[in-house]
Amino acid sequence: LTYDSYNTSIYQLIPKIKQRLEKARSSNEPVIFTKDIPIQYKDS
């Protein structure tokens, strides 16, 4: 809740993405994750 990116729809989204991720893994589909680190925290 303390971050601007807080999003109540995430609770419903996580299981759906997890299911899609499991499908990708079971079919040997490449999976790439992105992680957003604000530029002001780079290398800190």
PDB file of all heavy atoms in Angstrom:
ATOM      1  N   LEU A   1       0.803  -1.231   0.000  1.00  0.00           N
ATOM      2  CA  LEU A   1       0.000   0.000   0.000  1.00  0.00           C
ATOM      3  C   LEU A   1       0.833   1.277   0.000  1.00  0.00           C
ATOM      4  O   LEU A   1       0.349   2.337  -0.393  1.00  0.00           O
ATOM      5  CB  LEU A   1      -0.922   0.020   1.223  1.00  0.00           C
ATOM      6  CG  LEU A   1      -2.109  -0.927   1.185  1.00  0.00           C
ATOM      7  CD1 LEU A   1      -2.730  -1.060   2.568  1.00  0.00           C
ATOM      8  CD2 LEU A   1      -3.140  -0.436   0.196  1.00  0.00           C
ATOM      9  N   THR A   2       2.071   1.208   0.430  1.00  0.00           N
ATOM     10  CA  THR A   2       2.897   2.414   0.523  1.00  0.00           C
ATOM     11  C   THR A   2       3.508   2.827  -0.816  1.00  0.00           C
ATOM     12  O   THR A   2       4.112   3.890  -0.912  1.00  0.00           O
ATOM     13  CB  THR A   2       4.019   2.239   1.568  1.00  0.00           C
ATOM     14  OG1 THR A   2       4.900   1.186   1.136  1.00  0.00           O
ATOM     15  CG2 THR A   2       3.445   1.922   2.945  1.00  0.00           C
ATOM     16  N   TYR A   3       3.343   2.006  -1.846  1.00  0.00           N
ATOM     17  CA  TYR A   3       3.898   2.326  -3.164  1.00  0.00           C
ATOM     18  C   TYR A   3       2.815   2.798  -4.115  1.00  0.00           C
ATOM     19  O   TYR A   3       1.681   2.312  -4.078  1.00  0.00           O
ATOM     20  CB  TYR A   3       4.620   1.102  -3.766  1.00  0.00           C
ATOM     21  CG  TYR A   3       5.974   0.876  -3.172  1.00  0.00           C
ATOM     22  CD1 TYR A   3       6.122   0.164  -1.990  1.00  0.00           C
ATOM     23  CD2 TYR A   3       7.112   1.405  -3.764  1.00  0.00           C
ATOM     24  CE1 TYR A   3       7.368  -0.034  -1.421  1.00  0.00           C
ATOM     25  CE2 TYR A   3       8.362   1.218  -3.215  1.00  0.00           C
ATOM     26  CZ  TYR A   3       8.479   0.497  -2.035  1.00  0.00           C
ATOM     27  OH  TYR A   3       9.718   0.318  -1.479  1.00  0.00           O
ATOM     28  N   ASP A   4       3.189   3.724  -4.996  1.00  0.00           N
ATOM     29  CA  ASP A   4       2.253   4.208  -6.020  1.00  0.00           C
ATOM     30  C   ASP A   4       1.792   3.099  -6.948  1.00  0.00           C
ATOM     31  O   ASP A   4       0.734   3.192  -7.547  1.00  0.00           O
ATOM     32  CB  ASP A   4       2.897   5.316  -6.857  1.00  0.00           C
ATOM     33  CG  ASP A   4       3.084   6.609  -6.085  1.00  0.00           C
ATOM     34  OD1 ASP A   4       2.405   6.789  -5.044  1.00  0.00           O
ATOM     35  OD2 ASP A   4       3.913   7.433  -6.514  1.00  0.00           O
ATOM     36  N   SER A   5       2.587   2.080  -7.085  1.00  0.00           N
ATOM     37  CA  SER A   5       2.256   0.987  -8.006  1.00  0.00           C
ATOM     38  C   SER A   5       1.281  -0.030  -7.409  1.00  0.00           C
ATOM     39  O   SER A   5       0.893  -0.968  -8.096  1.00  0.00           O
ATOM     40  CB  SER A   5       3.530   0.268  -8.452  1.00  0.00           C
ATOM     41  OG  SER A   5       4.248  -0.188  -7.326  1.00  0.00           O
ATOM     42  N   TYR A   6       0.884   0.160  -6.143  1.00  0.00           N
ATOM     43  CA  TYR A   6      -0.078  -0.760  -5.524  1.00  0.00           C
ATOM     44  C   TYR A   6      -1.313  -0.850  -6.413  1.00  0.00           C
ATOM     45  O   TYR A   6      -1.812   0.141  -6.915  1.00  0.00           O
ATOM     46  CB  TYR A   6      -0.480  -0.273  -4.134  1.00  0.00           C
ATOM     47  CG  TYR A   6      -1.581  -1.106  -3.508  1.00  0.00           C
ATOM     48  CD1 TYR A   6      -1.307  -2.363  -2.989  1.00  0.00           C
ATOM     49  CD2 TYR A   6      -2.891  -0.647  -3.466  1.00  0.00           C
ATOM     50  CE1 TYR A   6      -2.305  -3.139  -2.424  1.00  0.00           C
ATOM     51  CE2 TYR A   6      -3.901  -1.416  -2.909  1.00  0.00           C
ATOM     52  CZ  TYR A   6      -3.604  -2.660  -2.389  1.00  0.00           C
ATOM     53  OH  TYR A   6      -4.599  -3.417  -1.843  1.00  0.00           O
ATOM     54  N   ASN A   7      -1.798  -2.088  -6.595  1.00  0.00           N
ATOM     55  CA  ASN A   7      -2.887  -2.308  -7.527  1.00  0.00           C
ATOM     56  C   ASN A   7      -3.744  -3.462  -7.009  1.00  0.00           C
ATOM     57  O   ASN A   7      -3.270  -4.601  -6.927  1.00  0.00           O
ATOM     58  CB  ASN A   7      -2.298  -2.638  -8.906  1.00  0.00           C
ATOM     59  CG  ASN A   7      -3.315  -2.716  -9.987  1.00  0.00           C
ATOM     60  OD1 ASN A   7      -4.475  -3.019  -9.754  1.00  0.00           O
ATOM     61  ND2 ASN A   7      -2.876  -2.465 -11.207  1.00  0.00           N
ATOM     62  N   THR A   8      -4.983  -3.174  -6.671  1.00  0.00           N
ATOM     63  CA  THR A   8      -5.860  -4.206  -6.095  1.00  0.00           C
ATOM     64  C   THR A   8      -6.157  -5.337  -7.072  1.00  0.00           C
ATOM     65  O   THR A   8      -6.426  -6.459  -6.648  1.00  0.00           O
ATOM     66  CB  THR A   8      -7.191  -3.596  -5.613  1.00  0.00           C
ATOM     67  OG1 THR A   8      -7.828  -2.943  -6.711  1.00  0.00           O
ATOM     68  CG2 THR A   8      -6.972  -2.621  -4.481  1.00  0.00           C
ATOM     69  N   SER A   9      -6.083  -5.094  -8.366  1.00  0.00           N
ATOM     70  CA  SER A   9      -6.380  -6.155  -9.337  1.00  0.00           C
ATOM     71  C   SER A   9      -5.283  -7.222  -9.396  1.00  0.00           C
ATOM     72  O   SER A   9      -5.489  -8.286  -9.977  1.00  0.00           O
ATOM     73  CB  SER A   9      -6.614  -5.562 -10.721  1.00  0.00           C
ATOM     74  OG  SER A   9      -5.430  -4.997 -11.219  1.00  0.00           O
ATOM     75  N   ILE A  10      -4.160  -6.960  -8.773  1.00  0.00           N
ATOM     76  CA  ILE A  10      -3.052  -7.911  -8.792  1.00  0.00           C
ATOM     77  C   ILE A  10      -3.442  -9.231  -8.136  1.00  0.00           C
ATOM     78  O   ILE A  10      -3.030 -10.298  -8.565  1.00  0.00           O
ATOM     79  CB  ILE A  10      -1.805  -7.303  -8.097  1.00  0.00           C
ATOM     80  CG1 ILE A  10      -1.294  -6.105  -8.889  1.00  0.00           C
ATOM     81  CG2 ILE A  10      -0.702  -8.332  -7.918  1.00  0.00           C
ATOM     82  CD1 ILE A  10      -0.997  -6.368 -10.340  1.00  0.00           C
ATOM     83  N   TYR A  11      -4.260  -9.153  -7.102  1.00  0.00           N
ATOM     84  CA  TYR A  11      -4.651 -10.372  -6.386  1.00  0.00           C
ATOM     85  C   TYR A  11      -5.375 -11.363  -7.305  1.00  0.00           C
ATOM     86  O   TYR A  11      -5.216 -12.571  -7.151  1.00  0.00           O
ATOM     87  CB  TYR A  11      -5.512 -10.029  -5.168  1.00  0.00           C
ATOM     88  CG  TYR A  11      -4.746  -9.227  -4.146  1.00  0.00           C
ATOM     89  CD1 TYR A  11      -4.909  -7.850  -4.054  1.00  0.00           C
ATOM     90  CD2 TYR A  11      -3.841  -9.852  -3.295  1.00  0.00           C
ATOM     91  CE1 TYR A  11      -4.200  -7.115  -3.121  1.00  0.00           C
ATOM     92  CE2 TYR A  11      -3.124  -9.112  -2.365  1.00  0.00           C
ATOM     93  CZ  TYR A  11      -3.299  -7.747  -2.276  1.00  0.00           C
ATOM     94  OH  TYR A  11      -2.582  -7.018  -1.372  1.00  0.00           O
ATOM     95  N   GLN A  12      -6.159 -10.870  -8.252  1.00  0.00           N
ATOM     96  CA  GLN A  12      -6.827 -11.740  -9.215  1.00  0.00           C
ATOM     97  C   GLN A  12      -5.899 -12.115 -10.375  1.00  0.00           C
ATOM     98  O   GLN A  12      -6.071 -13.157 -11.000  1.00  0.00           O
ATOM     99  CB  GLN A  12      -8.086 -11.062  -9.782  1.00  0.00           C
ATOM    100  CG  GLN A  12      -9.210 -10.883  -8.788  1.00  0.00           C
ATOM    101  CD  GLN A  12      -9.004  -9.682  -7.871  1.00  0.00           C
ATOM    102  OE1 GLN A  12      -8.453  -8.670  -8.279  1.00  0.00           O
ATOM    103  NE2 GLN A  12      -9.442  -9.804  -6.633  1.00  0.00           N
ATOM    104  N   LEU A  13      -4.922 -11.261 -10.652  1.00  0.00           N
ATOM    105  CA  LEU A  13      -4.027 -11.477 -11.788  1.00  0.00           C
ATOM    106  C   LEU A  13      -2.969 -12.546 -11.501  1.00  0.00           C
ATOM    107  O   LEU A  13      -2.631 -13.334 -12.388  1.00  0.00           O
ATOM    108  CB  LEU A  13      -3.356 -10.149 -12.152  1.00  0.00           C
ATOM    109  CG  LEU A  13      -2.546 -10.090 -13.429  1.00  0.00           C
ATOM    110  CD1 LEU A  13      -3.419 -10.386 -14.635  1.00  0.00           C
ATOM    111  CD2 LEU A  13      -1.891  -8.723 -13.566  1.00  0.00           C
ATOM    112  N   ILE A  14      -2.461 -12.599 -10.291  1.00  0.00           N
ATOM    113  CA  ILE A  14      -1.369 -13.518  -9.959  1.00  0.00           C
ATOM    114  C   ILE A  14      -1.703 -14.971 -10.305  1.00  0.00           C
ATOM    115  O   ILE A  14      -0.908 -15.635 -10.987  1.00  0.00           O
ATOM    116  CB  ILE A  14      -0.936 -13.371  -8.487  1.00  0.00           C
ATOM    117  CG1 ILE A  14      -0.278 -12.002  -8.277  1.00  0.00           C
ATOM    118  CG2 ILE A  14       0.013 -14.484  -8.080  1.00  0.00           C
ATOM    119  CD1 ILE A  14      -0.035 -11.649  -6.818  1.00  0.00           C
ATOM    120  N   PRO A  15      -2.845 -15.518  -9.873  1.00  0.00           N
ATOM    121  CA  PRO A  15      -3.110 -16.931 -10.213  1.00  0.00           C
ATOM    122  C   PRO A  15      -3.242 -17.173 -11.722  1.00  0.00           C
ATOM    123  O   PRO A  15      -2.848 -18.235 -12.222  1.00  0.00           O
ATOM    124  CB  PRO A  15      -4.410 -17.262  -9.491  1.00  0.00           C
ATOM    125  CG  PRO A  15      -4.859 -16.049  -8.779  1.00  0.00           C
ATOM    126  CD  PRO A  15      -3.872 -14.964  -9.004  1.00  0.00           C
ATOM    127  N   LYS A  16      -3.764 -16.198 -12.444  1.00  0.00           N
ATOM    128  CA  LYS A  16      -3.897 -16.350 -13.897  1.00  0.00           C
ATOM    129  C   LYS A  16      -2.523 -16.379 -14.563  1.00  0.00           C
ATOM    130  O   LYS A  16      -2.268 -17.193 -15.459  1.00  0.00           O
ATOM    131  CB  LYS A  16      -4.729 -15.209 -14.478  1.00  0.00           C
ATOM    132  CG  LYS A  16      -6.181 -15.229 -14.047  1.00  0.00           C
ATOM    133  CD  LYS A  16      -6.892 -14.015 -14.590  1.00  0.00           C
ATOM    134  CE  LYS A  16      -8.307 -13.893 -14.054  1.00  0.00           C
ATOM    135  NZ  LYS A  16      -8.943 -12.659 -14.521  1.00  0.00           N
ATOM    136  N   ILE A  17      -1.638 -15.482 -14.131  1.00  0.00           N
ATOM    137  CA  ILE A  17      -0.288 -15.462 -14.700  1.00  0.00           C
ATOM    138  C   ILE A  17       0.472 -16.714 -14.279  1.00  0.00           C
ATOM    139  O   ILE A  17       1.210 -17.289 -15.078  1.00  0.00           O
ATOM    140  CB  ILE A  17       0.456 -14.172 -14.308  1.00  0.00           C
ATOM    141  CG1 ILE A  17      -0.191 -12.979 -15.028  1.00  0.00           C
ATOM    142  CG2 ILE A  17       1.942 -14.269 -14.655  1.00  0.00           C
ATOM    143  CD1 ILE A  17       0.415 -11.643 -14.702  1.00  0.00           C
ATOM    144  N   LYS A  18       0.276 -17.158 -13.056  1.00  0.00           N
ATOM    145  CA  LYS A  18       0.931 -18.389 -12.598  1.00  0.00           C
ATOM    146  C   LYS A  18       0.509 -19.573 -13.464  1.00  0.00           C
ATOM    147  O   LYS A  18       1.345 -20.403 -13.849  1.00  0.00           O
ATOM    148  CB  LYS A  18       0.603 -18.653 -11.135  1.00  0.00           C
ATOM    149  CG  LYS A  18       1.349 -19.828 -10.573  1.00  0.00           C
ATOM    150  CD  LYS A  18       1.107 -20.000  -9.091  1.00  0.00           C
ATOM    151  CE  LYS A  18       1.928 -21.176  -8.588  1.00  0.00           C
ATOM    152  NZ  LYS A  18       1.781 -21.397  -7.174  1.00  0.00           N
ATOM    153  N   GLN A  19      -0.758 -19.649 -13.797  1.00  0.00           N
ATOM    154  CA  GLN A  19      -1.254 -20.731 -14.662  1.00  0.00           C
ATOM    155  C   GLN A  19      -0.611 -20.642 -16.050  1.00  0.00           C
ATOM    156  O   GLN A  19      -0.200 -21.653 -16.620  1.00  0.00           O
ATOM    157  CB  GLN A  19      -2.772 -20.657 -14.758  1.00  0.00           C
ATOM    158  CG  GLN A  19      -3.380 -21.784 -15.534  1.00  0.00           C
ATOM    159  CD  GLN A  19      -4.913 -21.707 -15.534  1.00  0.00           C
ATOM    160  OE1 GLN A  19      -5.514 -20.652 -15.353  1.00  0.00           O
ATOM    161  NE2 GLN A  19      -5.546 -22.844 -15.742  1.00  0.00           N
ATOM    162  N   ARG A  20      -0.512 -19.434 -16.595  1.00  0.00           N
ATOM    163  CA  ARG A  20       0.116 -19.243 -17.913  1.00  0.00           C
ATOM    164  C   ARG A  20       1.602 -19.604 -17.841  1.00  0.00           C
ATOM    165  O   ARG A  20       2.154 -20.215 -18.764  1.00  0.00           O
ATOM    166  CB  ARG A  20      -0.092 -17.798 -18.381  1.00  0.00           C
ATOM    167  CG  ARG A  20       0.591 -17.452 -19.694  1.00  0.00           C
ATOM    168  CD  ARG A  20       0.078 -18.294 -20.853  1.00  0.00           C
ATOM    169  NE  ARG A  20       0.768 -17.979 -22.082  1.00  0.00           N
ATOM    170  CZ  ARG A  20       1.874 -18.596 -22.516  1.00  0.00           C
ATOM    171  NH1 ARG A  20       2.414 -19.584 -21.821  1.00  0.00           N
ATOM    172  NH2 ARG A  20       2.445 -18.231 -23.642  1.00  0.00           N
ATOM    173  N   LEU A  21       2.252 -19.240 -16.738  1.00  0.00           N
ATOM    174  CA  LEU A  21       3.666 -19.563 -16.540  1.00  0.00           C
ATOM    175  C   LEU A  21       3.866 -21.077 -16.496  1.00  0.00           C
ATOM    176  O   LEU A  21       4.788 -21.609 -17.130  1.00  0.00           O
ATOM    177  CB  LEU A  21       4.165 -18.916 -15.247  1.00  0.00           C
ATOM    178  CG  LEU A  21       5.577 -19.247 -14.795  1.00  0.00           C
ATOM    179  CD1 LEU A  21       6.603 -18.828 -15.839  1.00  0.00           C
ATOM    180  CD2 LEU A  21       5.862 -18.541 -13.457  1.00  0.00           C
ATOM    181  N   GLU A  22       3.029 -21.773 -15.791  1.00  0.00           N
ATOM    182  CA  GLU A  22       3.122 -23.240 -15.717  1.00  0.00           C
ATOM    183  C   GLU A  22       2.931 -23.870 -17.092  1.00  0.00           C
ATOM    184  O   GLU A  22       3.618 -24.838 -17.439  1.00  0.00           O
ATOM    185  CB  GLU A  22       2.105 -23.774 -14.715  1.00  0.00           C
ATOM    186  CG  GLU A  22       2.477 -23.445 -13.274  1.00  0.00           C
ATOM    187  CD  GLU A  22       1.364 -23.705 -12.264  1.00  0.00           C
ATOM    188  OE1 GLU A  22       0.243 -24.107 -12.663  1.00  0.00           O
ATOM    189  OE2 GLU A  22       1.616 -23.477 -11.059  1.00  0.00           O
ATOM    190  N   LYS A  23       2.023 -23.320 -17.880  1.00  0.00           N
ATOM    191  CA  LYS A  23       1.821 -23.821 -19.250  1.00  0.00           C
ATOM    192  C   LYS A  23       3.082 -23.616 -20.086  1.00  0.00           C
ATOM    193  O   LYS A  23       3.499 -24.506 -20.830  1.00  0.00           O
ATOM    194  CB  LYS A  23       0.632 -23.089 -19.891  1.00  0.00           C
ATOM    195  CG  LYS A  23       0.344 -23.511 -21.305  1.00  0.00           C
ATOM    196  CD  LYS A  23      -0.801 -22.718 -21.906  1.00  0.00           C
ATOM    197  CE  LYS A  23      -0.962 -23.049 -23.376  1.00  0.00           C
ATOM    198  NZ  LYS A  23      -1.865 -22.118 -24.041  1.00  0.00           N
ATOM    199  N   ALA A  24       3.692 -22.436 -19.961  1.00  0.00           N
ATOM    200  CA  ALA A  24       4.924 -22.155 -20.712  1.00  0.00           C
ATOM    201  C   ALA A  24       6.035 -23.122 -20.306  1.00  0.00           C
ATOM    202  O   ALA A  24       6.745 -23.654 -21.166  1.00  0.00           O
ATOM    203  CB  ALA A  24       5.364 -20.707 -20.469  1.00  0.00           C
ATOM    204  N   ARG A  25       6.157 -23.340 -19.013  1.00  0.00           N
ATOM    205  CA  ARG A  25       7.202 -24.249 -18.532  1.00  0.00           C
ATOM    206  C   ARG A  25       6.969 -25.676 -19.000  1.00  0.00           C
ATOM    207  O   ARG A  25       7.918 -26.366 -19.382  1.00  0.00           O
ATOM    208  CB  ARG A  25       7.271 -24.192 -17.008  1.00  0.00           C
ATOM    209  CG  ARG A  25       7.884 -22.895 -16.508  1.00  0.00           C
ATOM    210  CD  ARG A  25       7.806 -22.771 -15.008  1.00  0.00           C
ATOM    211  NE  ARG A  25       8.546 -21.599 -14.549  1.00  0.00           N
ATOM    212  CZ  ARG A  25       8.410 -21.069 -13.346  1.00  0.00           C
ATOM    213  NH1 ARG A  25       7.550 -21.603 -12.473  1.00  0.00           N
ATOM    214  NH2 ARG A  25       9.116 -20.003 -13.009  1.00  0.00           N
ATOM    215  N   SER A  26       5.732 -26.128 -18.983  1.00  0.00           N
ATOM    216  CA  SER A  26       5.449 -27.509 -19.388  1.00  0.00           C
ATOM    217  C   SER A  26       5.677 -27.738 -20.883  1.00  0.00           C
ATOM    218  O   SER A  26       5.918 -28.860 -21.309  1.00  0.00           O
ATOM    219  CB  SER A  26       4.027 -27.910 -19.000  1.00  0.00           C
ATOM    220  OG  SER A  26       3.081 -27.213 -19.772  1.00  0.00           O
ATOM    221  N   SER A  27       5.631 -26.663 -21.668  1.00  0.00           N
ATOM    222  CA  SER A  27       5.859 -26.798 -23.109  1.00  0.00           C
ATOM    223  C   SER A  27       7.244 -26.294 -23.532  1.00  0.00           C
ATOM    224  O   SER A  27       7.496 -26.085 -24.719  1.00  0.00           O
ATOM    225  CB  SER A  27       4.764 -26.062 -23.884  1.00  0.00           C
ATOM    226  OG  SER A  27       4.832 -24.680 -23.617  1.00  0.00           O
ATOM    227  N   ASN A  28       8.129 -26.092 -22.559  1.00  0.00           N
ATOM    228  CA  ASN A  28       9.506 -25.627 -22.814  1.00  0.00           C
ATOM    229  C   ASN A  28       9.573 -24.306 -23.571  1.00  0.00           C
ATOM    230  O   ASN A  28      10.477 -24.065 -24.368  1.00  0.00           O
ATOM    231  CB  ASN A  28      10.319 -26.698 -23.552  1.00  0.00           C
ATOM    232  CG  ASN A  28      10.578 -27.889 -22.670  1.00  0.00           C
ATOM    233  OD1 ASN A  28      10.833 -27.752 -21.474  1.00  0.00           O
ATOM    234  ND2 ASN A  28      10.483 -29.069 -23.250  1.00  0.00           N
ATOM    235  N   GLU A  29       8.578 -23.463 -23.332  1.00  0.00           N
ATOM    236  CA  GLU A  29       8.558 -22.128 -23.925  1.00  0.00           C
ATOM    237  C   GLU A  29       9.521 -21.239 -23.134  1.00  0.00           C
ATOM    238  O   GLU A  29       9.507 -21.260 -21.903  1.00  0.00           O
ATOM    239  CB  GLU A  29       7.126 -21.586 -23.820  1.00  0.00           C
ATOM    240  CG  GLU A  29       6.891 -20.243 -24.427  1.00  0.00           C
ATOM    241  CD  GLU A  29       5.426 -19.813 -24.280  1.00  0.00           C
ATOM    242  OE1 GLU A  29       4.568 -20.607 -23.841  1.00  0.00           O
ATOM    243  OE2 GLU A  29       5.161 -18.652 -24.615  1.00  0.00           O
ATOM    244  N   PRO A  30      10.366 -20.466 -23.797  1.00  0.00           N
ATOM    245  CA  PRO A  30      11.249 -19.567 -23.053  1.00  0.00           C
ATOM    246  C   PRO A  30      10.442 -18.554 -22.231  1.00  0.00           C
ATOM    247  O   PRO A  30       9.434 -18.029 -22.704  1.00  0.00           O
ATOM    248  CB  PRO A  30      12.039 -18.845 -24.142  1.00  0.00           C
ATOM    249  CG  PRO A  30      11.925 -19.713 -25.349  1.00  0.00           C
ATOM    250  CD  PRO A  30      10.597 -20.391 -25.233  1.00  0.00           C
ATOM    251  N   VAL A  31      10.891 -18.313 -21.007  1.00  0.00           N
ATOM    252  CA  VAL A  31      10.241 -17.364 -20.116  1.00  0.00           C
ATOM    253  C   VAL A  31      11.261 -16.299 -19.722  1.00  0.00           C
ATOM    254  O   VAL A  31      12.367 -16.623 -19.286  1.00  0.00           O
ATOM    255  CB  VAL A  31       9.690 -18.061 -18.849  1.00  0.00           C
ATOM    256  CG1 VAL A  31       9.066 -17.041 -17.900  1.00  0.00           C
ATOM    257  CG2 VAL A  31       8.678 -19.134 -19.220  1.00  0.00           C
ATOM    258  N   ILE A  32      10.865 -15.044 -19.888  1.00  0.00           N
ATOM    259  CA  ILE A  32      11.705 -13.914 -19.522  1.00  0.00           C
ATOM    260  C   ILE A  32      10.909 -13.024 -18.571  1.00  0.00           C
ATOM    261  O   ILE A  32       9.782 -12.651 -18.867  1.00  0.00           O
ATOM    262  CB  ILE A  32      12.164 -13.095 -20.754  1.00  0.00           C
ATOM    263  CG1 ILE A  32      13.033 -13.972 -21.666  1.00  0.00           C
ATOM    264  CG2 ILE A  32      12.937 -11.862 -20.330  1.00  0.00           C
ATOM    265  CD1 ILE A  32      12.360 -14.437 -22.883  1.00  0.00           C
ATOM    266  N   PHE A  33      11.501 -12.709 -17.437  1.00  0.00           N
ATOM    267  CA  PHE A  33      10.900 -11.809 -16.464  1.00  0.00           C
ATOM    268  C   PHE A  33      11.578 -10.449 -16.566  1.00  0.00           C
ATOM    269  O   PHE A  33      12.788 -10.387 -16.766  1.00  0.00           O
ATOM    270  CB  PHE A  33      11.132 -12.325 -15.034  1.00  0.00           C
ATOM    271  CG  PHE A  33      10.441 -13.613 -14.711  1.00  0.00           C
ATOM    272  CD1 PHE A  33      10.977 -14.827 -15.091  1.00  0.00           C
ATOM    273  CD2 PHE A  33       9.254 -13.602 -13.993  1.00  0.00           C
ATOM    274  CE1 PHE A  33      10.348 -16.022 -14.774  1.00  0.00           C
ATOM    275  CE2 PHE A  33       8.614 -14.791 -13.665  1.00  0.00           C
ATOM    276  CZ  PHE A  33       9.162 -16.000 -14.061  1.00  0.00           C
ATOM    277  N   THR A  34      10.804  -9.389 -16.417  1.00  0.00           N
ATOM    278  CA  THR A  34      11.424  -8.078 -16.259  1.00  0.00           C
ATOM    279  C   THR A  34      11.204  -7.626 -14.825  1.00  0.00           C
ATOM    280  O   THR A  34      10.206  -7.954 -14.190  1.00  0.00           O
ATOM    281  CB  THR A  34      10.864  -7.005 -17.211  1.00  0.00           C
ATOM    282  OG1 THR A  34       9.507  -6.722 -16.869  1.00  0.00           O
ATOM    283  CG2 THR A  34      10.982  -7.429 -18.657  1.00  0.00           C
ATOM    284  N   LYS A  35      12.184  -6.894 -14.335  1.00  0.00           N
ATOM    285  CA  LYS A  35      12.134  -6.332 -12.995  1.00  0.00           C
ATOM    286  C   LYS A  35      12.479  -4.857 -13.126  1.00  0.00           C
ATOM    287  O   LYS A  35      13.537  -4.513 -13.652  1.00  0.00           O
ATOM    288  CB  LYS A  35      13.125  -7.069 -12.098  1.00  0.00           C
ATOM    289  CG  LYS A  35      13.108  -6.623 -10.673  1.00  0.00           C
ATOM    290  CD  LYS A  35      13.811  -7.573  -9.732  1.00  0.00           C
ATOM    291  CE  LYS A  35      15.256  -7.770 -10.010  1.00  0.00           C
ATOM    292  NZ  LYS A  35      15.968  -8.451  -8.904  1.00  0.00           N
ATOM    293  N   ASP A  36      11.584  -4.014 -12.676  1.00  0.00           N
ATOM    294  CA  ASP A  36      11.764  -2.570 -12.809  1.00  0.00           C
ATOM    295  C   ASP A  36      12.401  -2.007 -11.537  1.00  0.00           C
ATOM    296  O   ASP A  36      11.813  -2.066 -10.463  1.00  0.00           O
ATOM    297  CB  ASP A  36      10.407  -1.902 -13.057  1.00  0.00           C
ATOM    298  CG  ASP A  36      10.546  -0.422 -13.334  1.00  0.00           C
ATOM    299  OD1 ASP A  36      11.537  -0.027 -13.973  1.00  0.00           O
ATOM    300  OD2 ASP A  36       9.664   0.341 -12.914  1.00  0.00           O
ATOM    301  N   ILE A  37      13.612  -1.494 -11.687  1.00  0.00           N
ATOM    302  CA  ILE A  37      14.306  -0.817 -10.594  1.00  0.00           C
ATOM    303  C   ILE A  37      14.454   0.642 -11.021  1.00  0.00           C
ATOM    304  O   ILE A  37      15.106   0.922 -12.025  1.00  0.00           O
ATOM    305  CB  ILE A  37      15.712  -1.411 -10.338  1.00  0.00           C
ATOM    306  CG1 ILE A  37      15.653  -2.919 -10.132  1.00  0.00           C
ATOM    307  CG2 ILE A  37      16.393  -0.698  -9.182  1.00  0.00           C
ATOM    308  CD1 ILE A  37      14.992  -3.369  -8.870  1.00  0.00           C
ATOM    309  N   PRO A  38      13.830   1.573 -10.297  1.00  0.00           N
ATOM    310  CA  PRO A  38      13.943   2.983 -10.686  1.00  0.00           C
ATOM    311  C   PRO A  38      15.402   3.404 -10.863  1.00  0.00           C
ATOM    312  O   PRO A  38      16.287   2.968 -10.124  1.00  0.00           O
ATOM    313  CB  PRO A  38      13.285   3.720  -9.516  1.00  0.00           C
ATOM    314  CG  PRO A  38      12.329   2.719  -8.926  1.00  0.00           C
ATOM    315  CD  PRO A  38      13.021   1.388  -9.099  1.00  0.00           C
ATOM    316  N   ILE A  39      15.620   4.236 -11.846  1.00  0.00           N
ATOM    317  CA  ILE A  39      16.976   4.642 -12.220  1.00  0.00           C
ATOM    318  C   ILE A  39      17.746   5.228 -11.038  1.00  0.00           C
ATOM    319  O   ILE A  39      18.950   5.029 -10.924  1.00  0.00           O
ATOM    320  CB  ILE A  39      16.963   5.619 -13.427  1.00  0.00           C
ATOM    321  CG1 ILE A  39      18.362   5.865 -13.979  1.00  0.00           C
ATOM    322  CG2 ILE A  39      16.295   6.934 -13.066  1.00  0.00           C
ATOM    323  CD1 ILE A  39      18.952   4.686 -14.686  1.00  0.00           C
ATOM    324  N   GLN A  40      17.050   5.911 -10.127  1.00  0.00           N
ATOM    325  CA  GLN A  40      17.760   6.514  -8.999  1.00  0.00           C
ATOM    326  C   GLN A  40      18.333   5.455  -8.047  1.00  0.00           C
ATOM    327  O   GLN A  40      19.203   5.769  -7.246  1.00  0.00           O
ATOM    328  CB  GLN A  40      16.875   7.511  -8.240  1.00  0.00           C
ATOM    329  CG  GLN A  40      15.670   6.910  -7.557  1.00  0.00           C
ATOM    330  CD  GLN A  40      14.415   6.971  -8.403  1.00  0.00           C
ATOM    331  OE1 GLN A  40      14.461   6.927  -9.637  1.00  0.00           O
ATOM    332  NE2 GLN A  40      13.264   7.068  -7.744  1.00  0.00           N
ATOM    333  N   TYR A  41      17.872   4.202  -8.154  1.00  0.00           N
ATOM    334  CA  TYR A  41      18.390   3.134  -7.295  1.00  0.00           C
ATOM    335  C   TYR A  41      19.378   2.220  -8.006  1.00  0.00           C
ATOM    336  O   TYR A  41      19.886   1.276  -7.409  1.00  0.00           O
ATOM    337  CB  TYR A  41      17.237   2.295  -6.741  1.00  0.00           C
ATOM    338  CG  TYR A  41      16.247   3.094  -5.934  1.00  0.00           C
ATOM    339  CD1 TYR A  41      14.889   2.896  -6.101  1.00  0.00           C
ATOM    340  CD2 TYR A  41      16.664   4.056  -5.021  1.00  0.00           C
ATOM    341  CE1 TYR A  41      13.963   3.621  -5.368  1.00  0.00           C
ATOM    342  CE2 TYR A  41      15.749   4.791  -4.290  1.00  0.00           C
ATOM    343  CZ  TYR A  41      14.404   4.567  -4.465  1.00  0.00           C
ATOM    344  OH  TYR A  41      13.505   5.293  -3.742  1.00  0.00           O
ATOM    345  N   LYS A  42      19.630   2.501  -9.268  1.00  0.00           N
ATOM    346  CA  LYS A  42      20.569   1.681 -10.033  1.00  0.00           C
ATOM    347  C   LYS A  42      21.912   1.637  -9.315  1.00  0.00           C
ATOM    348  O   LYS A  42      22.424   2.665  -8.867  1.00  0.00           O
ATOM    349  CB  LYS A  42      20.738   2.256 -11.450  1.00  0.00           C
ATOM    350  CG  LYS A  42      21.638   1.437 -12.331  1.00  0.00           C
ATOM    351  CD  LYS A  42      21.765   2.040 -13.707  1.00  0.00           C
ATOM    352  CE  LYS A  42      22.695   1.195 -14.537  1.00  0.00           C
ATOM    353  NZ  LYS A  42      22.927   1.772 -15.849  1.00  0.00           N
ATOM    354  N   ASP A  43      22.475   0.451  -9.208  1.00  0.00           N
ATOM    355  CA  ASP A  43      23.786   0.243  -8.579  1.00  0.00           C
ATOM    356  C   ASP A  43      23.841   0.695  -7.123  1.00  0.00           C
ATOM    357  O   ASP A  43      24.893   1.108  -6.636  1.00  0.00           O
ATOM    358  CB  ASP A  43      24.886   0.950  -9.391  1.00  0.00           C
ATOM    359  CG  ASP A  43      24.942   0.457 -10.827  1.00  0.00           C
ATOM    360  OD1 ASP A  43      24.709  -0.745 -11.050  1.00  0.00           O
ATOM    361  OD2 ASP A  43      25.204   1.283 -11.720  1.00  0.00           O
ATOM    362  N   SER A  44      22.716   0.634  -6.423  1.00  0.00           N
ATOM    363  CA  SER A  44      22.709   0.997  -5.008  1.00  0.00           C
ATOM    364  C   SER A  44      22.106  -0.137  -4.186  1.00  0.00           C
ATOM    365  O   SER A  44      21.457  -1.040  -4.721  1.00  0.00           O
ATOM    366  CB  SER A  44      21.911   2.283  -4.774  1.00  0.00           C
ATOM    367  OG  SER A  44      20.525   2.024  -4.806  1.00  0.00           O
TER     368      SER A  44
END
